[in-house]
Amino acid sequence: MTIFCYPRCSTCAKAVAYLEAKGLTYTYRDIKLERPSKEELTSFYQRSGLELRRFFNTSGLLYRSMELKNKLSSLSEDEMLELLARDGMLVKRPLLVTETSVLVGFDEKKWDAVLR
């Protein structure tokens, strides 16, 4: 499994601590330095069953400065994926990708259900 995180994100730190407490093996990718590619994001989105807008870090400074709250509804799926791939700081984190699922954000109960 791979976890995409931003090192200075407290929620990411909680997610990593959770994985370590469970004794799970994972690959850590700094979402800013090793951002997911458009192809990866497309796969994650399709596998997740979530709306694509759920992959956006709506509380992030970049999201706000780009005024994406007002623009996302007018963008195509391809345009949204391009934006997400262009800057990892637009991607909601942590993003956990396993062989069977994709989890966006850290919700311990949801993670427990997937990572038994």
C-alpha atoms as a PDB file:
ATOM      1  CA  MET A   1       0.000   0.000   0.000  1.00  0.00           C
ATOM      2  CA  THR A   2       1.049   3.567  -0.618  1.00  0.00           C
ATOM      3  CA  ILE A   3       0.223   6.623   1.436  1.00  0.00           C
ATOM      4  CA  PHE A   4       0.495  10.083  -0.088  1.00  0.00           C
ATOM      5  CA  CYS A   5       1.115  12.685   2.609  1.00  0.00           C
ATOM      6  CA  TYR A   6       2.482  16.129   3.233  1.00  0.00           C
ATOM      7  CA  PRO A   7       5.098  15.954   6.020  1.00  0.00           C
ATOM      8  CA  ARG A   8       3.808  19.088   7.789  1.00  0.00           C
ATOM      9  CA  CYS A   9       0.184  17.894   7.819  1.00  0.00           C
ATOM     10  CA  SER A  10      -1.010  16.823  11.278  1.00  0.00           C
ATOM     11  CA  THR A  11      -3.754  14.610   9.839  1.00  0.00           C
ATOM     12  CA  CYS A  12      -1.150  12.814   7.730  1.00  0.00           C
ATOM     13  CA  ALA A  13       0.972  12.287  10.843  1.00  0.00           C
ATOM     14  CA  LYS A  14      -2.049  10.691  12.573  1.00  0.00           C
ATOM     15  CA  ALA A  15      -2.629   8.428   9.577  1.00  0.00           C
ATOM     16  CA  VAL A  16       1.013   7.298   9.502  1.00  0.00           C
ATOM     17  CA  ALA A  17       0.936   6.679  13.268  1.00  0.00           C
ATOM     18  CA  TYR A  18      -2.234   4.629  12.748  1.00  0.00           C
ATOM     19  CA  LEU A  19      -0.565   2.451  10.096  1.00  0.00           C
ATOM     20  CA  GLU A  20       2.505   1.971  12.267  1.00  0.00           C
ATOM     21  CA  ALA A  21       0.430   1.096  15.345  1.00  0.00           C
ATOM     22  CA  LYS A  22      -1.292  -1.601  13.254  1.00  0.00           C
ATOM     23  CA  GLY A  23       2.103  -2.892  12.116  1.00  0.00           C
ATOM     24  CA  LEU A  24       1.213  -2.362   8.459  1.00  0.00           C
ATOM     25  CA  THR A  25       3.862  -2.025   5.769  1.00  0.00           C
ATOM     26  CA  TYR A  26       3.478   0.945   3.442  1.00  0.00           C
ATOM     27  CA  THR A  27       5.316   3.132   0.968  1.00  0.00           C
ATOM     28  CA  TYR A  28       5.369   6.829   1.882  1.00  0.00           C
ATOM     29  CA  ARG A  29       5.212   9.427  -0.879  1.00  0.00           C
ATOM     30  CA  ASP A  30       5.533  13.119  -0.151  1.00  0.00           C
ATOM     31  CA  ILE A  31       2.588  14.508  -2.115  1.00  0.00           C
ATOM     32  CA  LYS A  32       4.439  17.715  -2.876  1.00  0.00           C
ATOM     33  CA  LEU A  33       7.685  16.133  -4.090  1.00  0.00           C
ATOM     34  CA  GLU A  34       6.360  12.867  -5.563  1.00  0.00           C
ATOM     35  CA  ARG A  35       2.879  13.931  -6.566  1.00  0.00           C
ATOM     36  CA  PRO A  36       0.614  11.369  -8.182  1.00  0.00           C
ATOM     37  CA  SER A  37       0.520  11.456 -11.975  1.00  0.00           C
ATOM     38  CA  LYS A  38      -2.638  12.094 -13.954  1.00  0.00           C
ATOM     39  CA  GLU A  39      -2.745   8.388 -14.827  1.00  0.00           C
ATOM     40  CA  GLU A  40      -2.425   7.394 -11.165  1.00  0.00           C
ATOM     41  CA  LEU A  41      -5.090   9.891 -10.127  1.00  0.00           C
ATOM     42  CA  THR A  42      -7.425   8.630 -12.846  1.00  0.00           C
ATOM     43  CA  SER A  43      -6.999   5.087 -11.560  1.00  0.00           C
ATOM     44  CA  PHE A  44      -7.428   6.135  -7.916  1.00  0.00           C
ATOM     45  CA  TYR A  45     -10.564   8.109  -8.739  1.00  0.00           C
ATOM     46  CA  GLN A  46     -12.117   5.280 -10.733  1.00  0.00           C
ATOM     47  CA  ARG A  47     -11.321   2.694  -8.064  1.00  0.00           C
ATOM     48  CA  SER A  48     -12.530   4.854  -5.183  1.00  0.00           C
ATOM     49  CA  GLY A  49     -16.161   5.189  -6.229  1.00  0.00           C
ATOM     50  CA  LEU A  50     -16.041   8.801  -5.022  1.00  0.00           C
ATOM     51  CA  GLU A  51     -16.874  12.000  -6.844  1.00  0.00           C
ATOM     52  CA  LEU A  52     -13.730  13.545  -8.304  1.00  0.00           C
ATOM     53  CA  ARG A  53     -14.280  16.748  -6.334  1.00  0.00           C
ATOM     54  CA  ARG A  54     -13.666  14.722  -3.135  1.00  0.00           C
ATOM     55  CA  PHE A  55     -10.006  14.446  -4.195  1.00  0.00           C
ATOM     56  CA  PHE A  56      -9.506  18.204  -3.833  1.00  0.00           C
ATOM     57  CA  ASN A  57      -7.980  19.664  -0.667  1.00  0.00           C
ATOM     58  CA  THR A  58     -10.727  22.245  -0.169  1.00  0.00           C
ATOM     59  CA  SER A  59      -9.108  23.665   2.960  1.00  0.00           C
ATOM     60  CA  GLY A  60      -5.776  24.281   1.251  1.00  0.00           C
ATOM     61  CA  LEU A  61      -4.353  27.697   0.481  1.00  0.00           C
ATOM     62  CA  LEU A  62      -3.808  26.875  -3.180  1.00  0.00           C
ATOM     63  CA  TYR A  63      -7.407  25.704  -3.632  1.00  0.00           C
ATOM     64  CA  ARG A  64      -8.618  28.959  -2.097  1.00  0.00           C
ATOM     65  CA  SER A  65      -6.220  31.224  -3.989  1.00  0.00           C
ATOM     66  CA  MET A  66      -7.278  29.622  -7.276  1.00  0.00           C
ATOM     67  CA  GLU A  67     -10.936  30.134  -6.286  1.00  0.00           C
ATOM     68  CA  LEU A  68     -11.673  26.539  -7.243  1.00  0.00           C
ATOM     69  CA  LYS A  69     -14.804  26.436  -5.110  1.00  0.00           C
ATOM     70  CA  ASN A  70     -16.495  28.536  -7.792  1.00  0.00           C
ATOM     71  CA  LYS A  71     -14.721  26.942 -10.773  1.00  0.00           C
ATOM     72  CA  LEU A  72     -14.833  23.172 -10.225  1.00  0.00           C
ATOM     73  CA  SER A  73     -18.407  22.740 -11.406  1.00  0.00           C
ATOM     74  CA  SER A  74     -17.524  24.210 -14.806  1.00  0.00           C
ATOM     75  CA  LEU A  75     -14.419  22.026 -15.315  1.00  0.00           C
ATOM     76  CA  SER A  76     -14.405  18.721 -17.156  1.00  0.00           C
ATOM     77  CA  GLU A  77     -13.187  15.559 -15.464  1.00  0.00           C
ATOM     78  CA  ASP A  78     -10.020  15.739 -17.559  1.00  0.00           C
ATOM     79  CA  GLU A  79      -9.379  19.360 -16.526  1.00  0.00           C
ATOM     80  CA  MET A  80      -9.844  18.463 -12.854  1.00  0.00           C
ATOM     81  CA  LEU A  81      -7.416  15.560 -13.149  1.00  0.00           C
ATOM     82  CA  GLU A  82      -4.885  17.846 -14.861  1.00  0.00           C
ATOM     83  CA  LEU A  83      -5.148  20.327 -11.982  1.00  0.00           C
ATOM     84  CA  LEU A  84      -4.709  17.625  -9.350  1.00  0.00           C
ATOM     85  CA  ALA A  85      -1.688  16.193 -11.159  1.00  0.00           C
ATOM     86  CA  ARG A  86      -0.082  19.606 -11.597  1.00  0.00           C
ATOM     87  CA  ASP A  87       0.274  20.332  -7.878  1.00  0.00           C
ATOM     88  CA  GLY A  88       0.115  17.780  -5.076  1.00  0.00           C
ATOM     89  CA  MET A  89      -1.030  20.460  -2.653  1.00  0.00           C
ATOM     90  CA  LEU A  90      -4.423  20.424  -4.402  1.00  0.00           C
ATOM     91  CA  VAL A  91      -4.918  16.757  -3.512  1.00  0.00           C
ATOM     92  CA  LYS A  92      -6.776  15.914  -0.310  1.00  0.00           C
ATOM     93  CA  ARG A  93      -4.537  14.030   2.037  1.00  0.00           C
ATOM     94  CA  PRO A  94      -3.710  11.597   3.276  1.00  0.00           C
ATOM     95  CA  LEU A  95      -4.462   9.497   0.236  1.00  0.00           C
ATOM     96  CA  LEU A  96      -4.106   5.779   0.943  1.00  0.00           C
ATOM     97  CA  VAL A  97      -4.001   3.362  -1.962  1.00  0.00           C
ATOM     98  CA  THR A  98      -4.196  -0.375  -1.305  1.00  0.00           C
ATOM     99  CA  GLU A  99      -4.630  -3.287  -3.694  1.00  0.00           C
ATOM    100  CA  THR A 100      -8.372  -3.247  -3.084  1.00  0.00           C
ATOM    101  CA  SER A 101      -9.299   0.315  -2.172  1.00  0.00           C
ATOM    102  CA  VAL A 102      -8.535   4.023  -2.210  1.00  0.00           C
ATOM    103  CA  LEU A 103      -9.140   6.106   0.915  1.00  0.00           C
ATOM    104  CA  VAL A 104      -9.191   9.904   0.758  1.00  0.00           C
ATOM    105  CA  GLY A 105      -8.625  11.739   4.040  1.00  0.00           C
ATOM    106  CA  PHE A 106      -8.176  10.055   7.404  1.00  0.00           C
ATOM    107  CA  ASP A 107     -11.259   8.621   9.048  1.00  0.00           C
ATOM    108  CA  GLU A 108     -10.204   5.951  11.519  1.00  0.00           C
ATOM    109  CA  LYS A 109     -13.495   4.034  11.304  1.00  0.00           C
ATOM    110  CA  LYS A 110     -13.357   3.874   7.507  1.00  0.00           C
ATOM    111  CA  TRP A 111      -9.717   2.868   7.605  1.00  0.00           C
ATOM    112  CA  ASP A 112     -10.511   0.168  10.203  1.00  0.00           C
ATOM    113  CA  ALA A 113     -13.181  -1.260   7.906  1.00  0.00           C
ATOM    114  CA  VAL A 114     -10.731  -1.526   4.998  1.00  0.00           C
ATOM    115  CA  LEU A 115      -7.533  -2.431   6.865  1.00  0.00           C
ATOM    116  CA  ARG A 116      -8.745  -5.163   9.201  1.00  0.00           C
END
